[in-house]
Amino acid sequence: MAGRGEIVEAENAEVEAIMTRIEHKSRKIESLLKQGRPVEALKTALEGSPPKTRDERCKSANWIVVHRALMAIKDLDSLFSALDPEYYDILMKSVLLFLFFICIYF
């Protein structure tokens, strides 16, 4: 049976792995934005969102990445015509999560 220390270590390793993926995703998004591809950047940001963890740092870091990509979009009509419907649900969850955090902290 695993001890509490081993469980905490495993959780920390999982959090670090998620944070590494988010950092990689962030660099990819910045590259796409520099290339003038904001819809692709948003799709990349939404993939794997929200992270499957209870760790607030991961959720917050992921929201920052999604927010960065979302704020780069100038024309919402073109976004929704270019965005696949499978991303709508993820986008709405991300926006609702953001609103939830605003209600809690402000």
PDB file of N, CA and C in Angstrom:
ATOM      1  N   MET A   1       0.840  -1.171   0.000  1.00  0.00           N
ATOM      2  CA  MET A   1       0.000   0.000   0.000  1.00  0.00           C
ATOM      3  C   MET A   1       0.890   1.241   0.000  1.00  0.00           C
ATOM      4  N   ALA A   2       0.519   2.216  -0.797  1.00  0.00           N
ATOM      5  CA  ALA A   2       1.308   3.441  -0.907  1.00  0.00           C
ATOM      6  C   ALA A   2       1.076   4.327   0.308  1.00  0.00           C
ATOM      7  N   GLY A   3       2.159   4.894   0.799  1.00  0.00           N
ATOM      8  CA  GLY A   3       2.063   5.812   1.924  1.00  0.00           C
ATOM      9  C   GLY A   3       1.660   7.195   1.456  1.00  0.00           C
ATOM     10  N   ARG A   4       1.320   8.042   2.411  1.00  0.00           N
ATOM     11  CA  ARG A   4       0.885   9.412   2.090  1.00  0.00           C
ATOM     12  C   ARG A   4       1.972  10.172   1.323  1.00  0.00           C
ATOM     13  N   GLY A   5       3.219   9.979   1.704  1.00  0.00           N
ATOM     14  CA  GLY A   5       4.320  10.655   1.023  1.00  0.00           C
ATOM     15  C   GLY A   5       4.421  10.272  -0.441  1.00  0.00           C
ATOM     16  N   GLU A   6       4.198   9.000  -0.731  1.00  0.00           N
ATOM     17  CA  GLU A   6       4.250   8.534  -2.118  1.00  0.00           C
ATOM     18  C   GLU A   6       3.093   9.108  -2.933  1.00  0.00           C
ATOM     19  N   ILE A   7       1.937   9.229  -2.310  1.00  0.00           N
ATOM     20  CA  ILE A   7       0.774   9.801  -2.993  1.00  0.00           C
ATOM     21  C   ILE A   7       1.025  11.263  -3.314  1.00  0.00           C
ATOM     22  N   VAL A   8       1.556  12.003  -2.344  1.00  0.00           N
ATOM     23  CA  VAL A   8       1.851  13.420  -2.557  1.00  0.00           C
ATOM     24  C   VAL A   8       2.890  13.579  -3.665  1.00  0.00           C
ATOM     25  N   GLU A   9       3.908  12.734  -3.659  1.00  0.00           N
ATOM     26  CA  GLU A   9       4.936  12.772  -4.704  1.00  0.00           C
ATOM     27  C   GLU A   9       4.325  12.523  -6.075  1.00  0.00           C
ATOM     28  N   ALA A  10       3.434  11.560  -6.156  1.00  0.00           N
ATOM     29  CA  ALA A  10       2.782  11.242  -7.430  1.00  0.00           C
ATOM     30  C   ALA A  10       1.921  12.415  -7.897  1.00  0.00           C
ATOM     31  N   GLU A  11       1.195  13.042  -6.961  1.00  0.00           N
ATOM     32  CA  GLU A  11       0.371  14.200  -7.306  1.00  0.00           C
ATOM     33  C   GLU A  11       1.241  15.354  -7.783  1.00  0.00           C
ATOM     34  N   ASN A  12       2.366  15.589  -7.103  1.00  0.00           N
ATOM     35  CA  ASN A  12       3.276  16.660  -7.507  1.00  0.00           C
ATOM     36  C   ASN A  12       3.852  16.398  -8.894  1.00  0.00           C
ATOM     37  N   ALA A  13       4.188  15.155  -9.168  1.00  0.00           N
ATOM     38  CA  ALA A  13       4.719  14.797 -10.488  1.00  0.00           C
ATOM     39  C   ALA A  13       3.662  15.034 -11.567  1.00  0.00           C
ATOM     40  N   GLU A  14       2.415  14.707 -11.244  1.00  0.00           N
ATOM     41  CA  GLU A  14       1.324  14.918 -12.194  1.00  0.00           C
ATOM     42  C   GLU A  14       1.132  16.405 -12.465  1.00  0.00           C
ATOM     43  N   VAL A  15       1.154  17.212 -11.407  1.00  0.00           N
ATOM     44  CA  VAL A  15       1.002  18.661 -11.554  1.00  0.00           C
ATOM     45  C   VAL A  15       2.142  19.221 -12.404  1.00  0.00           C
ATOM     46  N   GLU A  16       3.357  18.789 -12.139  1.00  0.00           N
ATOM     47  CA  GLU A  16       4.507  19.262 -12.920  1.00  0.00           C
ATOM     48  C   GLU A  16       4.371  18.872 -14.388  1.00  0.00           C
ATOM     49  N   ALA A  17       3.884  17.673 -14.654  1.00  0.00           N
ATOM     50  CA  ALA A  17       3.691  17.229 -16.037  1.00  0.00           C
ATOM     51  C   ALA A  17       2.634  18.085 -16.737  1.00  0.00           C
ATOM     52  N   ILE A  18       1.556  18.393 -16.036  1.00  0.00           N
ATOM     53  CA  ILE A  18       0.502  19.237 -16.607  1.00  0.00           C
ATOM     54  C   ILE A  18       1.041  20.634 -16.872  1.00  0.00           C
ATOM     55  N   MET A  19       1.787  21.194 -15.921  1.00  0.00           N
ATOM     56  CA  MET A  19       2.352  22.533 -16.096  1.00  0.00           C
ATOM     57  C   MET A  19       3.325  22.561 -17.279  1.00  0.00           C
ATOM     58  N   THR A  20       4.090  21.511 -17.457  1.00  0.00           N
ATOM     59  CA  THR A  20       5.016  21.431 -18.595  1.00  0.00           C
ATOM     60  C   THR A  20       4.247  21.431 -19.909  1.00  0.00           C
ATOM     61  N   ARG A  21       3.137  20.674 -19.965  1.00  0.00           N
ATOM     62  CA  ARG A  21       2.313  20.654 -21.180  1.00  0.00           C
ATOM     63  C   ARG A  21       1.713  22.032 -21.452  1.00  0.00           C
ATOM     64  N   ILE A  22       1.275  22.717 -20.400  1.00  0.00           N
ATOM     65  CA  ILE A  22       0.696  24.050 -20.562  1.00  0.00           C
ATOM     66  C   ILE A  22       1.758  25.031 -21.061  1.00  0.00           C
ATOM     67  N   GLU A  23       2.962  24.950 -20.526  1.00  0.00           N
ATOM     68  CA  GLU A  23       4.050  25.823 -20.982  1.00  0.00           C
ATOM     69  C   GLU A  23       4.373  25.565 -22.454  1.00  0.00           C
ATOM     70  N   HIS A  24       4.398  24.300 -22.840  1.00  0.00           N
ATOM     71  CA  HIS A  24       4.650  23.951 -24.245  1.00  0.00           C
ATOM     72  C   HIS A  24       3.527  24.506 -25.128  1.00  0.00           C
ATOM     73  N   LYS A  25       2.297  24.344 -24.664  1.00  0.00           N
ATOM     74  CA  LYS A  25       1.144  24.848 -25.404  1.00  0.00           C
ATOM     75  C   LYS A  25       1.236  26.366 -25.546  1.00  0.00           C
ATOM     76  N   SER A  26       1.653  27.046 -24.497  1.00  0.00           N
ATOM     77  CA  SER A  26       1.785  28.499 -24.515  1.00  0.00           C
ATOM     78  C   SER A  26       2.796  28.954 -25.571  1.00  0.00           C
ATOM     79  N   ARG A  27       3.931  28.272 -25.645  1.00  0.00           N
ATOM     80  CA  ARG A  27       4.939  28.628 -26.652  1.00  0.00           C
ATOM     81  C   ARG A  27       4.399  28.407 -28.069  1.00  0.00           C
ATOM     82  N   LYS A  28       3.669  27.323 -28.259  1.00  0.00           N
ATOM     83  CA  LYS A  28       3.091  27.035 -29.573  1.00  0.00           C
ATOM     84  C   LYS A  28       2.067  28.105 -29.953  1.00  0.00           C
ATOM     85  N   ILE A  29       1.265  28.530 -28.983  1.00  0.00           N
ATOM     86  CA  ILE A  29       0.255  29.558 -29.229  1.00  0.00           C
ATOM     87  C   ILE A  29       0.912  30.876 -29.607  1.00  0.00           C
ATOM     88  N   GLU A  30       1.946  31.254 -28.887  1.00  0.00           N
ATOM     89  CA  GLU A  30       2.658  32.493 -29.212  1.00  0.00           C
ATOM     90  C   GLU A  30       3.196  32.439 -30.639  1.00  0.00           C
ATOM     91  N   SER A  31       3.716  31.301 -31.039  1.00  0.00           N
ATOM     92  CA  SER A  31       4.225  31.135 -32.401  1.00  0.00           C
ATOM     93  C   SER A  31       3.097  31.295 -33.423  1.00  0.00           C
ATOM     94  N   LEU A  32       1.956  30.666 -33.163  1.00  0.00           N
ATOM     95  CA  LEU A  32       0.816  30.778 -34.078  1.00  0.00           C
ATOM     96  C   LEU A  32       0.310  32.217 -34.154  1.00  0.00           C
ATOM     97  N   LEU A  33       0.284  32.910 -33.034  1.00  0.00           N
ATOM     98  CA  LEU A  33      -0.167  34.302 -33.036  1.00  0.00           C
ATOM     99  C   LEU A  33       0.790  35.185 -33.830  1.00  0.00           C
ATOM    100  N   LYS A  34       2.079  34.943 -33.704  1.00  0.00           N
ATOM    101  CA  LYS A  34       3.065  35.713 -34.478  1.00  0.00           C
ATOM    102  C   LYS A  34       2.922  35.457 -35.970  1.00  0.00           C
ATOM    103  N   GLN A  35       2.421  34.285 -36.329  1.00  0.00           N
ATOM    104  CA  GLN A  35       2.195  33.937 -37.735  1.00  0.00           C
ATOM    105  C   GLN A  35       0.849  34.459 -38.235  1.00  0.00           C
ATOM    106  N   GLY A  36       0.086  35.118 -37.360  1.00  0.00           N
ATOM    107  CA  GLY A  36      -1.216  35.644 -37.751  1.00  0.00           C
ATOM    108  C   GLY A  36      -2.287  34.575 -37.875  1.00  0.00           C
ATOM    109  N   ARG A  37      -2.205  33.550 -37.045  1.00  0.00           N
ATOM    110  CA  ARG A  37      -3.166  32.444 -37.085  1.00  0.00           C
ATOM    111  C   ARG A  37      -3.894  32.320 -35.735  1.00  0.00           C
ATOM    112  N   PRO A  38      -4.716  33.320 -35.392  1.00  0.00           N
ATOM    113  CA  PRO A  38      -5.357  33.311 -34.072  1.00  0.00           C
ATOM    114  C   PRO A  38      -6.364  32.185 -33.856  1.00  0.00           C
ATOM    115  N   VAL A  39      -7.075  31.771 -34.898  1.00  0.00           N
ATOM    116  CA  VAL A  39      -8.053  30.688 -34.728  1.00  0.00           C
ATOM    117  C   VAL A  39      -7.324  29.382 -34.419  1.00  0.00           C
ATOM    118  N   GLU A  40      -6.223  29.130 -35.114  1.00  0.00           N
ATOM    119  CA  GLU A  40      -5.421  27.937 -34.823  1.00  0.00           C
ATOM    120  C   GLU A  40      -4.847  28.011 -33.413  1.00  0.00           C
ATOM    121  N   ALA A  41      -4.468  29.222 -32.996  1.00  0.00           N
ATOM    122  CA  ALA A  41      -3.941  29.403 -31.640  1.00  0.00           C
ATOM    123  C   ALA A  41      -5.014  29.063 -30.608  1.00  0.00           C
ATOM    124  N   LEU A  42      -6.249  29.509 -30.860  1.00  0.00           N
ATOM    125  CA  LEU A  42      -7.334  29.212 -29.923  1.00  0.00           C
ATOM    126  C   LEU A  42      -7.642  27.718 -29.899  1.00  0.00           C
ATOM    127  N   LYS A  43      -7.657  27.085 -31.047  1.00  0.00           N
ATOM    128  CA  LYS A  43      -7.887  25.632 -31.086  1.00  0.00           C
ATOM    129  C   LYS A  43      -6.821  24.904 -30.271  1.00  0.00           C
ATOM    130  N   THR A  44      -5.584  25.327 -30.434  1.00  0.00           N
ATOM    131  CA  THR A  44      -4.484  24.720 -29.680  1.00  0.00           C
ATOM    132  C   THR A  44      -4.675  24.948 -28.190  1.00  0.00           C
ATOM    133  N   ALA A  45      -5.093  26.155 -27.824  1.00  0.00           N
ATOM    134  CA  ALA A  45      -5.303  26.477 -26.408  1.00  0.00           C
ATOM    135  C   ALA A  45      -6.416  25.633 -25.801  1.00  0.00           C
ATOM    136  N   LEU A  46      -7.446  25.367 -26.582  1.00  0.00           N
ATOM    137  CA  LEU A  46      -8.599  24.630 -26.062  1.00  0.00           C
ATOM    138  C   LEU A  46      -8.373  23.122 -26.003  1.00  0.00           C
ATOM    139  N   GLU A  47      -7.409  22.627 -26.756  1.00  0.00           N
ATOM    140  CA  GLU A  47      -7.141  21.190 -26.733  1.00  0.00           C
ATOM    141  C   GLU A  47      -6.623  20.783 -25.353  1.00  0.00           C
ATOM    142  N   GLY A  48      -7.248  19.781 -24.780  1.00  0.00           N
ATOM    143  CA  GLY A  48      -6.842  19.315 -23.454  1.00  0.00           C
ATOM    144  C   GLY A  48      -7.298  20.219 -22.330  1.00  0.00           C
ATOM    145  N   SER A  49      -8.268  21.086 -22.608  1.00  0.00           N
ATOM    146  CA  SER A  49      -8.772  22.002 -21.587  1.00  0.00           C
ATOM    147  C   SER A  49     -10.133  21.537 -21.120  1.00  0.00           C
ATOM    148  N   PRO A  50     -10.466  21.787 -19.898  1.00  0.00           N
ATOM    149  CA  PRO A  50      -9.566  22.166 -18.812  1.00  0.00           C
ATOM    150  C   PRO A  50      -8.723  20.966 -18.397  1.00  0.00           C
ATOM    151  N   PRO A  51      -7.564  21.227 -17.808  1.00  0.00           N
ATOM    152  CA  PRO A  51      -6.719  20.106 -17.382  1.00  0.00           C
ATOM    153  C   PRO A  51      -7.435  19.254 -16.338  1.00  0.00           C
ATOM    154  N   LYS A  52      -7.225  17.974 -16.403  1.00  0.00           N
ATOM    155  CA  LYS A  52      -7.898  17.054 -15.479  1.00  0.00           C
ATOM    156  C   LYS A  52      -7.121  16.980 -14.169  1.00  0.00           C
ATOM    157  N   THR A  53      -7.272  18.025 -13.382  1.00  0.00           N
ATOM    158  CA  THR A  53      -6.619  18.107 -12.086  1.00  0.00           C
ATOM    159  C   THR A  53      -7.422  19.042 -11.194  1.00  0.00           C
ATOM    160  N   ARG A  54      -7.224  18.914  -9.919  1.00  0.00           N
ATOM    161  CA  ARG A  54      -7.861  19.828  -8.972  1.00  0.00           C
ATOM    162  C   ARG A  54      -6.934  20.976  -8.600  1.00  0.00           C
ATOM    163  N   ASP A  55      -5.707  20.905  -9.085  1.00  0.00           N
ATOM    164  CA  ASP A  55      -4.712  21.910  -8.736  1.00  0.00           C
ATOM    165  C   ASP A  55      -5.066  23.255  -9.379  1.00  0.00           C
ATOM    166  N   GLU A  56      -5.247  24.263  -8.552  1.00  0.00           N
ATOM    167  CA  GLU A  56      -5.661  25.579  -9.032  1.00  0.00           C
ATOM    168  C   GLU A  56      -4.584  26.247  -9.881  1.00  0.00           C
ATOM    169  N   ARG A  57      -3.313  25.957  -9.615  1.00  0.00           N
ATOM    170  CA  ARG A  57      -2.240  26.551 -10.424  1.00  0.00           C
ATOM    171  C   ARG A  57      -2.355  26.091 -11.868  1.00  0.00           C
ATOM    172  N   CYS A  58      -2.655  24.826 -12.059  1.00  0.00           N
ATOM    173  CA  CYS A  58      -2.800  24.288 -13.417  1.00  0.00           C
ATOM    174  C   CYS A  58      -4.003  24.917 -14.115  1.00  0.00           C
ATOM    175  N   LYS A  59      -5.104  25.000 -13.409  1.00  0.00           N
ATOM    176  CA  LYS A  59      -6.309  25.584 -13.999  1.00  0.00           C
ATOM    177  C   LYS A  59      -6.081  27.044 -14.359  1.00  0.00           C
ATOM    178  N   SER A  60      -5.428  27.770 -13.464  1.00  0.00           N
ATOM    179  CA  SER A  60      -5.151  29.181 -13.709  1.00  0.00           C
ATOM    180  C   SER A  60      -4.197  29.361 -14.886  1.00  0.00           C
ATOM    181  N   ALA A  61      -3.135  28.579 -14.925  1.00  0.00           N
ATOM    182  CA  ALA A  61      -2.168  28.674 -16.026  1.00  0.00           C
ATOM    183  C   ALA A  61      -2.838  28.336 -17.352  1.00  0.00           C
ATOM    184  N   ASN A  62      -3.702  27.344 -17.350  1.00  0.00           N
ATOM    185  CA  ASN A  62      -4.401  26.972 -18.573  1.00  0.00           C
ATOM    186  C   ASN A  62      -5.340  28.090 -19.011  1.00  0.00           C
ATOM    187  N   TRP A  63      -6.048  28.704 -18.057  1.00  0.00           N
ATOM    188  CA  TRP A  63      -6.944  29.800 -18.414  1.00  0.00           C
ATOM    189  C   TRP A  63      -6.164  30.955 -19.021  1.00  0.00           C
ATOM    190  N   ILE A  64      -4.994  31.260 -18.497  1.00  0.00           N
ATOM    191  CA  ILE A  64      -4.174  32.350 -19.037  1.00  0.00           C
ATOM    192  C   ILE A  64      -3.836  32.076 -20.501  1.00  0.00           C
ATOM    193  N   VAL A  65      -3.521  30.837 -20.820  1.00  0.00           N
ATOM    194  CA  VAL A  65      -3.198  30.456 -22.199  1.00  0.00           C
ATOM    195  C   VAL A  65      -4.429  30.618 -23.093  1.00  0.00           C
ATOM    196  N   VAL A  66      -5.578  30.131 -22.640  1.00  0.00           N
ATOM    197  CA  VAL A  66      -6.816  30.261 -23.421  1.00  0.00           C
ATOM    198  C   VAL A  66      -7.169  31.734 -23.595  1.00  0.00           C
ATOM    199  N   HIS A  67      -7.065  32.496 -22.526  1.00  0.00           N
ATOM    200  CA  HIS A  67      -7.382  33.926 -22.558  1.00  0.00           C
ATOM    201  C   HIS A  67      -6.487  34.653 -23.557  1.00  0.00           C
ATOM    202  N   ARG A  68      -5.209  34.337 -23.544  1.00  0.00           N
ATOM    203  CA  ARG A  68      -4.260  34.979 -24.467  1.00  0.00           C
ATOM    204  C   ARG A  68      -4.676  34.735 -25.914  1.00  0.00           C
ATOM    205  N   ALA A  69      -5.017  33.514 -26.236  1.00  0.00           N
ATOM    206  CA  ALA A  69      -5.429  33.190 -27.604  1.00  0.00           C
ATOM    207  C   ALA A  69      -6.763  33.848 -27.945  1.00  0.00           C
ATOM    208  N   LEU A  70      -7.675  33.854 -27.009  1.00  0.00           N
ATOM    209  CA  LEU A  70      -9.001  34.431 -27.235  1.00  0.00           C
ATOM    210  C   LEU A  70      -8.924  35.935 -27.466  1.00  0.00           C
ATOM    211  N   MET A  71      -8.091  36.610 -26.701  1.00  0.00           N
ATOM    212  CA  MET A  71      -7.980  38.065 -26.819  1.00  0.00           C
ATOM    213  C   MET A  71      -7.314  38.495 -28.127  1.00  0.00           C
ATOM    214  N   ALA A  72      -6.631  37.602 -28.794  1.00  0.00           N
ATOM    215  CA  ALA A  72      -5.978  37.940 -30.063  1.00  0.00           C
ATOM    216  C   ALA A  72      -6.959  37.933 -31.234  1.00  0.00           C
ATOM    217  N   ILE A  73      -8.157  37.428 -31.007  1.00  0.00           N
ATOM    218  CA  ILE A  73      -9.139  37.323 -32.086  1.00  0.00           C
ATOM    219  C   ILE A  73      -9.893  38.639 -32.190  1.00  0.00           C
ATOM    220  N   LYS A  74      -9.855  39.199 -33.384  1.00  0.00           N
ATOM    221  CA  LYS A  74     -10.478  40.506 -33.620  1.00  0.00           C
ATOM    222  C   LYS A  74     -11.917  40.379 -34.131  1.00  0.00           C
ATOM    223  N   ASP A  75     -12.213  39.304 -34.820  1.00  0.00           N
ATOM    224  CA  ASP A  75     -13.510  39.142 -35.463  1.00  0.00           C
ATOM    225  C   ASP A  75     -14.170  37.850 -34.984  1.00  0.00           C
ATOM    226  N   LEU A  76     -15.141  37.991 -34.079  1.00  0.00           N
ATOM    227  CA  LEU A  76     -15.791  36.805 -33.516  1.00  0.00           C
ATOM    228  C   LEU A  76     -16.615  36.036 -34.545  1.00  0.00           C
ATOM    229  N   ASP A  77     -17.194  36.742 -35.507  1.00  0.00           N
ATOM    230  CA  ASP A  77     -17.964  36.037 -36.539  1.00  0.00           C
ATOM    231  C   ASP A  77     -17.082  35.060 -37.309  1.00  0.00           C
ATOM    232  N   SER A  78     -15.892  35.526 -37.677  1.00  0.00           N
ATOM    233  CA  SER A  78     -14.995  34.626 -38.411  1.00  0.00           C
ATOM    234  C   SER A  78     -14.503  33.496 -37.513  1.00  0.00           C
ATOM    235  N   LEU A  79     -14.375  33.784 -36.212  1.00  0.00           N
ATOM    236  CA  LEU A  79     -13.966  32.738 -35.273  1.00  0.00           C
ATOM    237  C   LEU A  79     -14.979  31.603 -35.276  1.00  0.00           C
ATOM    238  N   PHE A  80     -16.247  31.945 -35.098  1.00  0.00           N
ATOM    239  CA  PHE A  80     -17.259  30.898 -34.991  1.00  0.00           C
ATOM    240  C   PHE A  80     -17.498  30.179 -36.317  1.00  0.00           C
ATOM    241  N   SER A  81     -17.259  30.858 -37.423  1.00  0.00           N
ATOM    242  CA  SER A  81     -17.403  30.154 -38.703  1.00  0.00           C
ATOM    243  C   SER A  81     -16.207  29.239 -38.964  1.00  0.00           C
ATOM    244  N   ALA A  82     -15.042  29.574 -38.390  1.00  0.00           N
ATOM    245  CA  ALA A  82     -13.840  28.764 -38.606  1.00  0.00           C
ATOM    246  C   ALA A  82     -13.636  27.703 -37.530  1.00  0.00           C
ATOM    247  N   LEU A  83     -14.269  27.882 -36.390  1.00  0.00           N
ATOM    248  CA  LEU A  83     -14.070  26.970 -35.263  1.00  0.00           C
ATOM    249  C   LEU A  83     -14.996  25.762 -35.394  1.00  0.00           C
ATOM    250  N   ASP A  84     -14.456  24.594 -35.226  1.00  0.00           N
ATOM    251  CA  ASP A  84     -15.260  23.375 -35.272  1.00  0.00           C
ATOM    252  C   ASP A  84     -16.207  23.345 -34.073  1.00  0.00           C
ATOM    253  N   PRO A  85     -17.432  22.838 -34.257  1.00  0.00           N
ATOM    254  CA  PRO A  85     -18.399  22.797 -33.160  1.00  0.00           C
ATOM    255  C   PRO A  85     -17.903  22.066 -31.912  1.00  0.00           C
ATOM    256  N   GLU A  86     -16.990  21.119 -32.068  1.00  0.00           N
ATOM    257  CA  GLU A  86     -16.482  20.388 -30.901  1.00  0.00           C
ATOM    258  C   GLU A  86     -15.764  21.319 -29.919  1.00  0.00           C
ATOM    259  N   TYR A  87     -15.289  22.462 -30.406  1.00  0.00           N
ATOM    260  CA  TYR A  87     -14.577  23.398 -29.544  1.00  0.00           C
ATOM    261  C   TYR A  87     -15.528  24.338 -28.797  1.00  0.00           C
ATOM    262  N   TYR A  88     -16.780  24.458 -29.244  1.00  0.00           N
ATOM    263  CA  TYR A  88     -17.726  25.369 -28.592  1.00  0.00           C
ATOM    264  C   TYR A  88     -17.901  25.039 -27.111  1.00  0.00           C
ATOM    265  N   ASP A  89     -18.102  23.764 -26.821  1.00  0.00           N
ATOM    266  CA  ASP A  89     -18.323  23.334 -25.441  1.00  0.00           C
ATOM    267  C   ASP A  89     -17.109  23.647 -24.572  1.00  0.00           C
ATOM    268  N   ILE A  90     -15.930  23.366 -25.090  1.00  0.00           N
ATOM    269  CA  ILE A  90     -14.704  23.629 -24.328  1.00  0.00           C
ATOM    270  C   ILE A  90     -14.548  25.127 -24.095  1.00  0.00           C
ATOM    271  N   LEU A  91     -14.829  25.921 -25.124  1.00  0.00           N
ATOM    272  CA  LEU A  91     -14.720  27.374 -25.004  1.00  0.00           C
ATOM    273  C   LEU A  91     -15.698  27.903 -23.962  1.00  0.00           C
ATOM    274  N   MET A  92     -16.922  27.420 -23.988  1.00  0.00           N
ATOM    275  CA  MET A  92     -17.918  27.873 -23.010  1.00  0.00           C
ATOM    276  C   MET A  92     -17.511  27.482 -21.592  1.00  0.00           C
ATOM    277  N   LYS A  93     -16.986  26.278 -21.408  1.00  0.00           N
ATOM    278  CA  LYS A  93     -16.523  25.863 -20.083  1.00  0.00           C
ATOM    279  C   LYS A  93     -15.394  26.764 -19.602  1.00  0.00           C
ATOM    280  N   SER A  94     -14.497  27.126 -20.504  1.00  0.00           N
ATOM    281  CA  SER A  94     -13.379  27.991 -20.133  1.00  0.00           C
ATOM    282  C   SER A  94     -13.870  29.372 -19.727  1.00  0.00           C
ATOM    283  N   VAL A  95     -14.802  29.922 -20.490  1.00  0.00           N
ATOM    284  CA  VAL A  95     -15.346  31.246 -20.170  1.00  0.00           C
ATOM    285  C   VAL A  95     -16.111  31.198 -18.848  1.00  0.00           C
ATOM    286  N   LEU A  96     -16.910  30.163 -18.643  1.00  0.00           N
ATOM    287  CA  LEU A  96     -17.654  30.044 -17.386  1.00  0.00           C
ATOM    288  C   LEU A  96     -16.721  29.876 -16.193  1.00  0.00           C
ATOM    289  N   LEU A  97     -15.654  29.138 -16.361  1.00  0.00           N
ATOM    290  CA  LEU A  97     -14.669  28.982 -15.294  1.00  0.00           C
ATOM    291  C   LEU A  97     -14.045  30.328 -14.947  1.00  0.00           C
ATOM    292  N   PHE A  98     -13.733  31.118 -15.969  1.00  0.00           N
ATOM    293  CA  PHE A  98     -13.183  32.454 -15.755  1.00  0.00           C
ATOM    294  C   PHE A  98     -14.169  33.321 -14.971  1.00  0.00           C
ATOM    295  N   LEU A  99     -15.434  33.306 -15.370  1.00  0.00           N
ATOM    296  CA  LEU A  99     -16.447  34.091 -14.662  1.00  0.00           C
ATOM    297  C   LEU A  99     -16.599  33.628 -13.218  1.00  0.00           C
ATOM    298  N   PHE A 100     -16.502  32.331 -12.995  1.00  0.00           N
ATOM    299  CA  PHE A 100     -16.569  31.781 -11.643  1.00  0.00           C
ATOM    300  C   PHE A 100     -15.432  32.331 -10.787  1.00  0.00           C
ATOM    301  N   PHE A 101     -14.212  32.346 -11.339  1.00  0.00           N
ATOM    302  CA  PHE A 101     -13.066  32.869 -10.588  1.00  0.00           C
ATOM    303  C   PHE A 101     -13.237  34.353 -10.282  1.00  0.00           C
ATOM    304  N   ILE A 102     -13.790  35.094 -11.222  1.00  0.00           N
ATOM    305  CA  ILE A 102     -14.011  36.524 -10.986  1.00  0.00           C
ATOM    306  C   ILE A 102     -14.994  36.713  -9.835  1.00  0.00           C
ATOM    307  N   CYS A 103     -16.056  35.927  -9.823  1.00  0.00           N
ATOM    308  CA  CYS A 103     -17.049  36.038  -8.745  1.00  0.00           C
ATOM    309  C   CYS A 103     -16.447  35.704  -7.387  1.00  0.00           C
ATOM    310  N   ILE A 104     -15.545  34.755  -7.344  1.00  0.00           N
ATOM    311  CA  ILE A 104     -14.941  34.352  -6.076  1.00  0.00           C
ATOM    312  C   ILE A 104     -13.966  35.398  -5.559  1.00  0.00           C
ATOM    313  N   TYR A 105     -13.126  35.922  -6.448  1.00  0.00           N
ATOM    314  CA  TYR A 105     -12.032  36.778  -6.006  1.00  0.00           C
ATOM    315  C   TYR A 105     -12.354  38.267  -5.998  1.00  0.00           C
ATOM    316  N   PHE A 106     -13.477  38.667  -6.595  1.00  0.00           N
ATOM    317  CA  PHE A 106     -13.775  40.103  -6.617  1.00  0.00           C
ATOM    318  C   PHE A 106     -15.094  40.388  -6.021  1.00  0.00           C
TER     319      PHE A 106
END
